[in-house]
Amino acid sequence: MNREAAQVIANQIRDKVEGRTGVLPQFLVENYRVQRLNGTYTLLKINVGSGRYVHVEVFQAGPADHALMTGLERDRSASDPFNNIASVSDH
Protein backbone atom coordinates (compact mmCIF):
# COMPACT_ATOMS: atom_id res chain seq x y z
CA MET A 1 0.00 0.00 0.00
CA ASN A 2 1.17 3.53 -0.71
CA ARG A 3 0.01 6.92 0.57
CA GLU A 4 -2.37 7.41 -2.37
CA ALA A 5 -4.10 4.10 -1.58
CA ALA A 6 -4.31 5.10 2.10
CA GLN A 7 -5.91 8.41 1.07
CA VAL A 8 -8.52 6.53 -0.99
CA ILE A 9 -9.44 4.52 2.12
CA ALA A 10 -9.57 7.71 4.21
CA ASN A 11 -11.89 9.33 1.68
CA GLN A 12 -14.23 6.31 1.93
CA ILE A 13 -14.71 6.81 5.69
CA ARG A 14 -14.58 10.62 5.86
CA ASP A 15 -18.37 10.93 6.26
CA LYS A 16 -18.28 8.50 9.22
CA VAL A 17 -15.46 10.47 10.87
CA GLU A 18 -17.19 13.82 10.31
CA GLY A 19 -20.38 12.31 11.74
CA ARG A 20 -18.50 12.06 15.04
CA THR A 21 -16.27 15.16 14.81
CA GLY A 22 -18.23 17.67 12.75
CA VAL A 23 -17.07 18.98 9.37
CA LEU A 24 -13.29 19.02 8.99
CA PRO A 25 -11.55 21.64 6.80
CA GLN A 26 -9.10 19.13 5.34
CA PHE A 27 -8.57 15.37 5.45
CA LEU A 28 -5.03 14.45 4.38
CA VAL A 29 -3.32 11.19 5.32
CA GLU A 30 0.15 11.95 6.65
CA ASN A 31 1.05 8.50 7.93
CA TYR A 32 -0.43 5.02 7.85
CA ARG A 33 0.26 1.48 8.97
CA VAL A 34 -1.24 -1.77 7.68
CA GLN A 35 -1.86 -4.96 9.64
CA ARG A 36 -3.27 -8.08 8.03
CA LEU A 37 -5.31 -10.25 10.39
CA ASN A 38 -8.48 -11.93 9.08
CA GLY A 39 -8.71 -9.00 6.67
CA THR A 40 -6.80 -5.73 6.57
CA TYR A 41 -6.63 -3.14 9.33
CA THR A 42 -5.28 0.23 8.25
CA LEU A 43 -4.28 2.81 10.86
CA LEU A 44 -4.35 6.36 9.53
CA LYS A 45 -2.92 9.61 10.91
CA ILE A 46 -5.01 12.29 9.19
CA ASN A 47 -4.23 16.02 9.18
CA VAL A 48 -7.55 17.83 9.60
CA GLY A 49 -6.15 21.38 9.58
CA SER A 50 -4.93 23.97 12.09
CA GLY A 51 -2.31 21.59 13.49
CA ARG A 52 -4.99 19.06 14.45
CA TYR A 53 -5.04 15.37 13.62
CA VAL A 54 -7.35 12.41 13.99
CA HIS A 55 -6.24 8.80 14.19
CA VAL A 56 -8.54 6.32 12.49
CA GLU A 57 -8.56 2.54 12.31
CA VAL A 58 -10.26 1.03 9.26
CA PHE A 59 -11.08 -2.62 8.54
CA GLN A 60 -11.62 -4.27 5.15
CA ALA A 61 -12.45 -7.98 4.97
CA GLY A 62 -11.16 -8.15 1.38
CA PRO A 63 -9.64 -5.79 -1.19
CA ALA A 64 -12.99 -5.12 -2.89
CA ASP A 65 -14.96 -4.78 0.37
CA HIS A 66 -16.24 -1.50 1.81
CA ALA A 67 -14.03 0.16 4.43
CA LEU A 68 -15.45 0.13 7.98
CA MET A 69 -14.24 2.59 10.62
CA THR A 70 -13.38 0.52 13.71
CA GLY A 71 -11.49 3.11 15.76
CA LEU A 72 -11.25 6.89 16.15
CA GLU A 73 -9.19 9.26 18.29
CA ARG A 74 -9.78 13.00 18.04
CA ASP A 75 -7.68 15.98 19.12
CA ARG A 76 -4.32 14.45 18.26
CA SER A 77 -1.10 16.25 17.33
CA ALA A 78 1.57 15.54 14.72
CA SER A 79 3.84 13.99 17.37
CA ASP A 80 1.26 11.64 18.90
CA PRO A 81 1.90 7.95 18.14
CA PHE A 82 -0.98 6.11 16.56
CA ASN A 83 -1.23 2.83 18.45
CA ASN A 84 -4.19 1.11 20.10
CA ILE A 85 -6.84 3.37 18.62
CA ALA A 86 -10.05 3.47 20.68
CA SER A 87 -12.79 1.27 19.23
CA VAL A 88 -15.98 2.68 17.74
CA SER A 89 -19.00 1.11 16.11
CA ASP A 90 -19.46 1.81 12.39
CA HIS A 91 -23.12 0.75 12.32
PDB file of N, CA and C in Angstrom:
ATOM      1  N   MET A   1       0.858  -1.179   0.000  1.00  0.00           N
ATOM      2  CA  MET A   1       0.000   0.000   0.000  1.00  0.00           C
ATOM      3  C   MET A   1       0.896   1.231   0.000  1.00  0.00           C
ATOM      4  N   ASN A   2       0.455   2.257  -0.713  1.00  0.00           N
ATOM      5  CA  ASN A   2       1.169   3.532  -0.708  1.00  0.00           C
ATOM      6  C   ASN A   2       0.245   4.619  -0.143  1.00  0.00           C
ATOM      7  N   ARG A   3       0.778   5.829  -0.033  1.00  0.00           N
ATOM      8  CA  ARG A   3       0.008   6.921   0.572  1.00  0.00           C
ATOM      9  C   ARG A   3      -1.258   7.235  -0.224  1.00  0.00           C
ATOM     10  N   GLU A   4      -1.191   7.133  -1.550  1.00  0.00           N
ATOM     11  CA  GLU A   4      -2.373   7.411  -2.367  1.00  0.00           C
ATOM     12  C   GLU A   4      -3.481   6.399  -2.074  1.00  0.00           C
ATOM     13  N   ALA A   5      -3.114   5.129  -1.920  1.00  0.00           N
ATOM     14  CA  ALA A   5      -4.105   4.100  -1.582  1.00  0.00           C
ATOM     15  C   ALA A   5      -4.675   4.341  -0.185  1.00  0.00           C
ATOM     16  N   ALA A   6      -3.834   4.769   0.753  1.00  0.00           N
ATOM     17  CA  ALA A   6      -4.305   5.097   2.103  1.00  0.00           C
ATOM     18  C   ALA A   6      -5.277   6.275   2.058  1.00  0.00           C
ATOM     19  N   GLN A   7      -5.016   7.260   1.190  1.00  0.00           N
ATOM     20  CA  GLN A   7      -5.911   8.412   1.070  1.00  0.00           C
ATOM     21  C   GLN A   7      -7.264   7.990   0.496  1.00  0.00           C
ATOM     22  N   VAL A   8      -7.259   7.047  -0.438  1.00  0.00           N
ATOM     23  CA  VAL A   8      -8.519   6.532  -0.992  1.00  0.00           C
ATOM     24  C   VAL A   8      -9.356   5.908   0.125  1.00  0.00           C
ATOM     25  N   ILE A   9      -8.725   5.121   0.993  1.00  0.00           N
ATOM     26  CA  ILE A   9      -9.440   4.517   2.123  1.00  0.00           C
ATOM     27  C   ILE A   9      -9.968   5.605   3.046  1.00  0.00           C
ATOM     28  N   ALA A  10      -9.143   6.605   3.344  1.00  0.00           N
ATOM     29  CA  ALA A  10      -9.570   7.713   4.211  1.00  0.00           C
ATOM     30  C   ALA A  10     -10.783   8.417   3.619  1.00  0.00           C
ATOM     31  N   ASN A  11     -10.767   8.653   2.325  1.00  0.00           N
ATOM     32  CA  ASN A  11     -11.894   9.332   1.680  1.00  0.00           C
ATOM     33  C   ASN A  11     -13.179   8.513   1.800  1.00  0.00           C
ATOM     34  N   GLN A  12     -13.060   7.181   1.814  1.00  0.00           N
ATOM     35  CA  GLN A  12     -14.234   6.313   1.932  1.00  0.00           C
ATOM     36  C   GLN A  12     -14.902   6.431   3.298  1.00  0.00           C
ATOM     37  N   ILE A  13     -14.136   6.756   4.343  1.00  0.00           N
ATOM     38  CA  ILE A  13     -14.707   6.813   5.692  1.00  0.00           C
ATOM     39  C   ILE A  13     -14.822   8.245   6.219  1.00  0.00           C
ATOM     40  N   ARG A  14     -14.536   9.227   5.397  1.00  0.00           N
ATOM     41  CA  ARG A  14     -14.580  10.620   5.859  1.00  0.00           C
ATOM     42  C   ARG A  14     -15.945  10.991   6.432  1.00  0.00           C
ATOM     43  N   ASP A  15     -17.027  10.609   5.760  1.00  0.00           N
ATOM     44  CA  ASP A  15     -18.371  10.934   6.263  1.00  0.00           C
ATOM     45  C   ASP A  15     -18.604  10.353   7.654  1.00  0.00           C
ATOM     46  N   LYS A  16     -18.126   9.124   7.895  1.00  0.00           N
ATOM     47  CA  LYS A  16     -18.278   8.503   9.217  1.00  0.00           C
ATOM     48  C   LYS A  16     -17.498   9.289  10.265  1.00  0.00           C
ATOM     49  N   VAL A  17     -16.279   9.699   9.929  1.00  0.00           N
ATOM     50  CA  VAL A  17     -15.458  10.474  10.865  1.00  0.00           C
ATOM     51  C   VAL A  17     -16.135  11.805  11.158  1.00  0.00           C
ATOM     52  N   GLU A  18     -16.559  12.509  10.113  1.00  0.00           N
ATOM     53  CA  GLU A  18     -17.191  13.815  10.307  1.00  0.00           C
ATOM     54  C   GLU A  18     -18.531  13.697  11.034  1.00  0.00           C
ATOM     55  N   GLY A  19     -19.165  12.543  10.962  1.00  0.00           N
ATOM     56  CA  GLY A  19     -20.376  12.311  11.737  1.00  0.00           C
ATOM     57  C   GLY A  19     -20.109  12.330  13.237  1.00  0.00           C
ATOM     58  N   ARG A  20     -18.887  12.065  13.619  1.00  0.00           N
ATOM     59  CA  ARG A  20     -18.499  12.062  15.036  1.00  0.00           C
ATOM     60  C   ARG A  20     -17.731  13.314  15.446  1.00  0.00           C
ATOM     61  N   THR A  21     -17.119  14.003  14.477  1.00  0.00           N
ATOM     62  CA  THR A  21     -16.271  15.159  14.814  1.00  0.00           C
ATOM     63  C   THR A  21     -16.850  16.484  14.365  1.00  0.00           C
ATOM     64  N   GLY A  22     -17.802  16.462  13.443  1.00  0.00           N
ATOM     65  CA  GLY A  22     -18.225  17.668  12.750  1.00  0.00           C
ATOM     66  C   GLY A  22     -17.394  17.815  11.487  1.00  0.00           C
ATOM     67  N   VAL A  23     -17.751  18.775  10.657  1.00  0.00           N
ATOM     68  CA  VAL A  23     -17.074  18.979   9.371  1.00  0.00           C
ATOM     69  C   VAL A  23     -15.621  19.376   9.611  1.00  0.00           C
ATOM     70  N   LEU A  24     -14.721  18.755   8.860  1.00  0.00           N
ATOM     71  CA  LEU A  24     -13.291  19.018   8.989  1.00  0.00           C
ATOM     72  C   LEU A  24     -12.794  19.762   7.755  1.00  0.00           C
ATOM     73  N   PRO A  25     -11.972  20.825   7.930  1.00  0.00           N
ATOM     74  CA  PRO A  25     -11.551  21.645   6.799  1.00  0.00           C
ATOM     75  C   PRO A  25     -10.650  20.923   5.805  1.00  0.00           C
ATOM     76  N   GLN A  26      -9.902  19.938   6.263  1.00  0.00           N
ATOM     77  CA  GLN A  26      -9.098  19.127   5.343  1.00  0.00           C
ATOM     78  C   GLN A  26      -9.047  17.711   5.887  1.00  0.00           C
ATOM     79  N   PHE A  27      -8.554  16.784   5.069  1.00  0.00           N
ATOM     80  CA  PHE A  27      -8.567  15.371   5.452  1.00  0.00           C
ATOM     81  C   PHE A  27      -7.445  14.674   4.692  1.00  0.00           C
ATOM     82  N   LEU A  28      -6.205  14.930   5.106  1.00  0.00           N
ATOM     83  CA  LEU A  28      -5.033  14.451   4.375  1.00  0.00           C
ATOM     84  C   LEU A  28      -4.257  13.425   5.192  1.00  0.00           C
ATOM     85  N   VAL A  29      -4.099  12.233   4.645  1.00  0.00           N
ATOM     86  CA  VAL A  29      -3.322  11.190   5.316  1.00  0.00           C
ATOM     87  C   VAL A  29      -1.857  11.604   5.334  1.00  0.00           C
ATOM     88  N   GLU A  30      -1.274  11.640   6.527  1.00  0.00           N
ATOM     89  CA  GLU A  30       0.151  11.953   6.655  1.00  0.00           C
ATOM     90  C   GLU A  30       0.972  10.722   6.992  1.00  0.00           C
ATOM     91  N   ASN A  31       0.342   9.729   7.605  1.00  0.00           N
ATOM     92  CA  ASN A  31       1.047   8.498   7.930  1.00  0.00           C
ATOM     93  C   ASN A  31       0.019   7.377   7.999  1.00  0.00           C
ATOM     94  N   TYR A  32       0.467   6.170   7.789  1.00  0.00           N
ATOM     95  CA  TYR A  32      -0.430   5.025   7.846  1.00  0.00           C
ATOM     96  C   TYR A  32       0.371   3.776   8.196  1.00  0.00           C
ATOM     97  N   ARG A  33      -0.347   2.773   8.670  1.00  0.00           N
ATOM     98  CA  ARG A  33       0.259   1.483   8.972  1.00  0.00           C
ATOM     99  C   ARG A  33      -0.780   0.417   8.650  1.00  0.00           C
ATOM    100  N   VAL A  34      -0.339  -0.690   8.089  1.00  0.00           N
ATOM    101  CA  VAL A  34      -1.240  -1.767   7.679  1.00  0.00           C
ATOM    102  C   VAL A  34      -0.931  -3.022   8.490  1.00  0.00           C
ATOM    103  N   GLN A  35      -2.000  -3.685   8.949  1.00  0.00           N
ATOM    104  CA  GLN A  35      -1.864  -4.965   9.643  1.00  0.00           C
ATOM    105  C   GLN A  35      -2.870  -5.928   9.038  1.00  0.00           C
ATOM    106  N   ARG A  36      -2.388  -7.075   8.609  1.00  0.00           N
ATOM    107  CA  ARG A  36      -3.272  -8.080   8.027  1.00  0.00           C
ATOM    108  C   ARG A  36      -3.569  -9.144   9.076  1.00  0.00           C
ATOM    109  N   LEU A  37      -4.856  -9.289   9.395  1.00  0.00           N
ATOM    110  CA  LEU A  37      -5.308 -10.253  10.390  1.00  0.00           C
ATOM    111  C   LEU A  37      -6.784 -10.516  10.120  1.00  0.00           C
ATOM    112  N   ASN A  38      -7.089 -11.635   9.465  1.00  0.00           N
ATOM    113  CA  ASN A  38      -8.476 -11.935   9.075  1.00  0.00           C
ATOM    114  C   ASN A  38      -9.092 -10.769   8.311  1.00  0.00           C
ATOM    115  N   GLY A  39      -8.345 -10.197   7.415  1.00  0.00           N
ATOM    116  CA  GLY A  39      -8.711  -8.997   6.674  1.00  0.00           C
ATOM    117  C   GLY A  39      -7.579  -8.001   6.830  1.00  0.00           C
ATOM    118  N   THR A  40      -7.838  -6.763   6.492  1.00  0.00           N
ATOM    119  CA  THR A  40      -6.800  -5.735   6.573  1.00  0.00           C
ATOM    120  C   THR A  40      -7.247  -4.599   7.471  1.00  0.00           C
ATOM    121  N   TYR A  41      -6.436  -4.310   8.474  1.00  0.00           N
ATOM    122  CA  TYR A  41      -6.626  -3.141   9.333  1.00  0.00           C
ATOM    123  C   TYR A  41      -5.641  -2.083   8.876  1.00  0.00           C
ATOM    124  N   THR A  42      -6.135  -0.885   8.627  1.00  0.00           N
ATOM    125  CA  THR A  42      -5.279   0.229   8.251  1.00  0.00           C
ATOM    126  C   THR A  42      -5.422   1.309   9.307  1.00  0.00           C
ATOM    127  N   LEU A  43      -4.306   1.715   9.899  1.00  0.00           N
ATOM    128  CA  LEU A  43      -4.284   2.807  10.864  1.00  0.00           C
ATOM    129  C   LEU A  43      -3.839   4.057  10.133  1.00  0.00           C
ATOM    130  N   LEU A  44      -4.599   5.125  10.269  1.00  0.00           N
ATOM    131  CA  LEU A  44      -4.350   6.358   9.529  1.00  0.00           C
ATOM    132  C   LEU A  44      -4.140   7.528  10.476  1.00  0.00           C
ATOM    133  N   LYS A  45      -3.107   8.327  10.224  1.00  0.00           N
ATOM    134  CA  LYS A  45      -2.919   9.614  10.906  1.00  0.00           C
ATOM    135  C   LYS A  45      -3.325  10.662   9.887  1.00  0.00           C
ATOM    136  N   ILE A  46      -4.411  11.385  10.167  1.00  0.00           N
ATOM    137  CA  ILE A  46      -5.009  12.292   9.191  1.00  0.00           C
ATOM    138  C   ILE A  46      -4.922  13.723   9.694  1.00  0.00           C
ATOM    139  N   ASN A  47      -4.326  14.589   8.882  1.00  0.00           N
ATOM    140  CA  ASN A  47      -4.234  16.022   9.180  1.00  0.00           C
ATOM    141  C   ASN A  47      -5.577  16.645   8.819  1.00  0.00           C
ATOM    142  N   VAL A  48      -6.234  17.241   9.828  1.00  0.00           N
ATOM    143  CA  VAL A  48      -7.555  17.831   9.599  1.00  0.00           C
ATOM    144  C   VAL A  48      -7.510  19.360   9.648  1.00  0.00           C
ATOM    145  N   GLY A  49      -6.306  19.927   9.634  1.00  0.00           N
ATOM    146  CA  GLY A  49      -6.149  21.376   9.584  1.00  0.00           C
ATOM    147  C   GLY A  49      -5.848  22.000  10.929  1.00  0.00           C
ATOM    148  N   SER A  50      -5.249  23.181  10.889  1.00  0.00           N
ATOM    149  CA  SER A  50      -4.931  23.971  12.086  1.00  0.00           C
ATOM    150  C   SER A  50      -4.092  23.200  13.098  1.00  0.00           C
ATOM    151  N   GLY A  51      -3.185  22.350  12.604  1.00  0.00           N
ATOM    152  CA  GLY A  51      -2.315  21.589  13.490  1.00  0.00           C
ATOM    153  C   GLY A  51      -3.004  20.453  14.225  1.00  0.00           C
ATOM    154  N   ARG A  52      -4.215  20.121  13.802  1.00  0.00           N
ATOM    155  CA  ARG A  52      -4.986  19.055  14.454  1.00  0.00           C
ATOM    156  C   ARG A  52      -4.973  17.790  13.593  1.00  0.00           C
ATOM    157  N   TYR A  53      -5.050  16.669  14.284  1.00  0.00           N
ATOM    158  CA  TYR A  53      -5.045  15.366  13.625  1.00  0.00           C
ATOM    159  C   TYR A  53      -6.123  14.484  14.231  1.00  0.00           C
ATOM    160  N   VAL A  54      -6.562  13.511  13.460  1.00  0.00           N
ATOM    161  CA  VAL A  54      -7.354  12.409  13.989  1.00  0.00           C
ATOM    162  C   VAL A  54      -6.617  11.128  13.623  1.00  0.00           C
ATOM    163  N   HIS A  55      -6.773  10.125  14.466  1.00  0.00           N
ATOM    164  CA  HIS A  55      -6.242   8.797  14.189  1.00  0.00           C
ATOM    165  C   HIS A  55      -7.435   7.899  13.955  1.00  0.00           C
ATOM    166  N   VAL A  56      -7.401   7.152  12.870  1.00  0.00           N
ATOM    167  CA  VAL A  56      -8.540   6.321  12.490  1.00  0.00           C
ATOM    168  C   VAL A  56      -8.052   4.912  12.186  1.00  0.00           C
ATOM    169  N   GLU A  57      -8.802   3.928  12.670  1.00  0.00           N
ATOM    170  CA  GLU A  57      -8.557   2.538  12.311  1.00  0.00           C
ATOM    171  C   GLU A  57      -9.678   2.105  11.381  1.00  0.00           C
ATOM    172  N   VAL A  58      -9.301   1.456  10.281  1.00  0.00           N
ATOM    173  CA  VAL A  58     -10.258   1.025   9.260  1.00  0.00           C
ATOM    174  C   VAL A  58     -10.054  -0.467   9.008  1.00  0.00           C
ATOM    175  N   PHE A  59     -11.147  -1.197   8.842  1.00  0.00           N
ATOM    176  CA  PHE A  59     -11.076  -2.623   8.536  1.00  0.00           C
ATOM    177  C   PHE A  59     -11.713  -2.897   7.185  1.00  0.00           C
ATOM    178  N   GLN A  60     -11.055  -3.759   6.403  1.00  0.00           N
ATOM    179  CA  GLN A  60     -11.620  -4.266   5.149  1.00  0.00           C
ATOM    180  C   GLN A  60     -11.433  -5.776   5.141  1.00  0.00           C
ATOM    181  N   ALA A  61     -12.526  -6.522   4.982  1.00  0.00           N
ATOM    182  CA  ALA A  61     -12.448  -7.982   4.965  1.00  0.00           C
ATOM    183  C   ALA A  61     -11.678  -8.474   3.744  1.00  0.00           C
ATOM    184  N   GLY A  62     -11.850  -7.797   2.618  1.00  0.00           N
ATOM    185  CA  GLY A  62     -11.160  -8.149   1.383  1.00  0.00           C
ATOM    186  C   GLY A  62     -10.882  -6.895   0.584  1.00  0.00           C
ATOM    187  N   PRO A  63     -10.033  -6.977  -0.432  1.00  0.00           N
ATOM    188  CA  PRO A  63      -9.638  -5.787  -1.195  1.00  0.00           C
ATOM    189  C   PRO A  63     -10.801  -5.042  -1.848  1.00  0.00           C
ATOM    190  N   ALA A  64     -11.855  -5.760  -2.222  1.00  0.00           N
ATOM    191  CA  ALA A  64     -12.992  -5.118  -2.888  1.00  0.00           C
ATOM    192  C   ALA A  64     -14.097  -4.732  -1.906  1.00  0.00           C
ATOM    193  N   ASP A  65     -13.919  -5.045  -0.622  1.00  0.00           N
ATOM    194  CA  ASP A  65     -14.957  -4.776   0.374  1.00  0.00           C
ATOM    195  C   ASP A  65     -14.925  -3.331   0.841  1.00  0.00           C
ATOM    196  N   HIS A  66     -16.095  -2.865   1.295  1.00  0.00           N
ATOM    197  CA  HIS A  66     -16.245  -1.504   1.806  1.00  0.00           C
ATOM    198  C   HIS A  66     -15.417  -1.327   3.077  1.00  0.00           C
ATOM    199  N   ALA A  67     -14.815  -0.159   3.235  1.00  0.00           N
ATOM    200  CA  ALA A  67     -14.025   0.163   4.427  1.00  0.00           C
ATOM    201  C   ALA A  67     -14.953   0.479   5.595  1.00  0.00           C
ATOM    202  N   LEU A  68     -14.678  -0.107   6.759  1.00  0.00           N
ATOM    203  CA  LEU A  68     -15.445   0.135   7.978  1.00  0.00           C
ATOM    204  C   LEU A  68     -14.551   0.805   9.012  1.00  0.00           C
ATOM    205  N   MET A  69     -14.994   1.929   9.558  1.00  0.00           N
ATOM    206  CA  MET A  69     -14.238   2.588  10.615  1.00  0.00           C
ATOM    207  C   MET A  69     -14.419   1.788  11.900  1.00  0.00           C
ATOM    208  N   THR A  70     -13.316   1.318  12.487  1.00  0.00           N
ATOM    209  CA  THR A  70     -13.381   0.520  13.710  1.00  0.00           C
ATOM    210  C   THR A  70     -12.751   1.231  14.900  1.00  0.00           C
ATOM    211  N   GLY A  71     -12.091   2.359  14.664  1.00  0.00           N
ATOM    212  CA  GLY A  71     -11.486   3.110  15.761  1.00  0.00           C
ATOM    213  C   GLY A  71     -11.300   4.561  15.386  1.00  0.00           C
ATOM    214  N   LEU A  72     -11.400   5.447  16.389  1.00  0.00           N
ATOM    215  CA  LEU A  72     -11.248   6.888  16.153  1.00  0.00           C
ATOM    216  C   LEU A  72     -10.708   7.559  17.406  1.00  0.00           C
ATOM    217  N   GLU A  73      -9.690   8.386  17.231  1.00  0.00           N
ATOM    218  CA  GLU A  73      -9.188   9.260  18.289  1.00  0.00           C
ATOM    219  C   GLU A  73      -9.134  10.672  17.740  1.00  0.00           C
ATOM    220  N   ARG A  74      -9.751  11.594  18.454  1.00  0.00           N
ATOM    221  CA  ARG A  74      -9.779  12.998  18.043  1.00  0.00           C
ATOM    222  C   ARG A  74      -8.722  13.783  18.806  1.00  0.00           C
ATOM    223  N   ASP A  75      -8.551  15.038  18.406  1.00  0.00           N
ATOM    224  CA  ASP A  75      -7.680  15.978  19.122  1.00  0.00           C
ATOM    225  C   ASP A  75      -6.268  15.436  19.307  1.00  0.00           C
ATOM    226  N   ARG A  76      -5.689  14.949  18.250  1.00  0.00           N
ATOM    227  CA  ARG A  76      -4.320  14.449  18.259  1.00  0.00           C
ATOM    228  C   ARG A  76      -3.400  15.491  17.651  1.00  0.00           C
ATOM    229  N   SER A  77      -2.099  15.346  17.908  1.00  0.00           N
ATOM    230  CA  SER A  77      -1.103  16.254  17.332  1.00  0.00           C
ATOM    231  C   SER A  77      -0.198  15.466  16.393  1.00  0.00           C
ATOM    232  N   ALA A  78       0.661  16.180  15.674  1.00  0.00           N
ATOM    233  CA  ALA A  78       1.567  15.543  14.724  1.00  0.00           C
ATOM    234  C   ALA A  78       2.512  14.567  15.418  1.00  0.00           C
ATOM    235  N   SER A  79       2.867  14.830  16.662  1.00  0.00           N
ATOM    236  CA  SER A  79       3.841  13.991  17.369  1.00  0.00           C
ATOM    237  C   SER A  79       3.217  12.806  18.102  1.00  0.00           C
ATOM    238  N   ASP A  80       1.898  12.749  18.198  1.00  0.00           N
ATOM    239  CA  ASP A  80       1.257  11.637  18.903  1.00  0.00           C
ATOM    240  C   ASP A  80       1.426  10.331  18.127  1.00  0.00           C
ATOM    241  N   PRO A  81       1.840   9.247  18.817  1.00  0.00           N
ATOM    242  CA  PRO A  81       1.902   7.945  18.140  1.00  0.00           C
ATOM    243  C   PRO A  81       0.492   7.443  17.856  1.00  0.00           C
ATOM    244  N   PHE A  82       0.351   6.645  16.831  1.00  0.00           N
ATOM    245  CA  PHE A  82      -0.985   6.114  16.562  1.00  0.00           C
ATOM    246  C   PHE A  82      -0.983   4.595  16.748  1.00  0.00           C
ATOM    247  N   ASN A  83      -1.148   4.224  18.024  1.00  0.00           N
ATOM    248  CA  ASN A  83      -1.230   2.828  18.451  1.00  0.00           C
ATOM    249  C   ASN A  83      -2.498   2.649  19.264  1.00  0.00           C
ATOM    250  N   ASN A  84      -3.043   1.435  19.248  1.00  0.00           N
ATOM    251  CA  ASN A  84      -4.185   1.106  20.105  1.00  0.00           C
ATOM    252  C   ASN A  84      -5.296   2.146  20.021  1.00  0.00           C
ATOM    253  N   ILE A  85      -5.791   2.380  18.836  1.00  0.00           N
ATOM    254  CA  ILE A  85      -6.843   3.369  18.620  1.00  0.00           C
ATOM    255  C   ILE A  85      -8.136   2.889  19.270  1.00  0.00           C
ATOM    256  N   ALA A  86      -8.813   3.804  19.961  1.00  0.00           N
ATOM    257  CA  ALA A  86     -10.047   3.471  20.682  1.00  0.00           C
ATOM    258  C   ALA A  86     -11.111   2.963  19.713  1.00  0.00           C
ATOM    259  N   SER A  87     -11.775   1.889  20.082  1.00  0.00           N
ATOM    260  CA  SER A  87     -12.791   1.268  19.231  1.00  0.00           C
ATOM    261  C   SER A  87     -14.049   2.117  19.134  1.00  0.00           C
ATOM    262  N   VAL A  88     -14.675   2.065  17.965  1.00  0.00           N
ATOM    263  CA  VAL A  88     -15.977   2.678  17.738  1.00  0.00           C
ATOM    264  C   VAL A  88     -16.814   1.699  16.934  1.00  0.00           C
ATOM    265  N   SER A  89     -18.108   1.911  16.933  1.00  0.00           N
ATOM    266  CA  SER A  89     -19.005   1.109  16.115  1.00  0.00           C
ATOM    267  C   SER A  89     -19.295   1.866  14.829  1.00  0.00           C
ATOM    268  N   ASP A  90     -19.213   1.194  13.702  1.00  0.00           N
ATOM    269  CA  ASP A  90     -19.458   1.814  12.394  1.00  0.00           C
ATOM    270  C   ASP A  90     -20.837   1.425  11.869  1.00  0.00           C
ATOM    271  N   HIS A  91     -21.777   1.173  12.747  1.00  0.00           N
ATOM    272  CA  HIS A  91     -23.118   0.750  12.319  1.00  0.00           C
ATOM    273  C   HIS A  91     -24.069   1.908  12.305  1.00  0.00           C
TER     274      HIS A  91
END
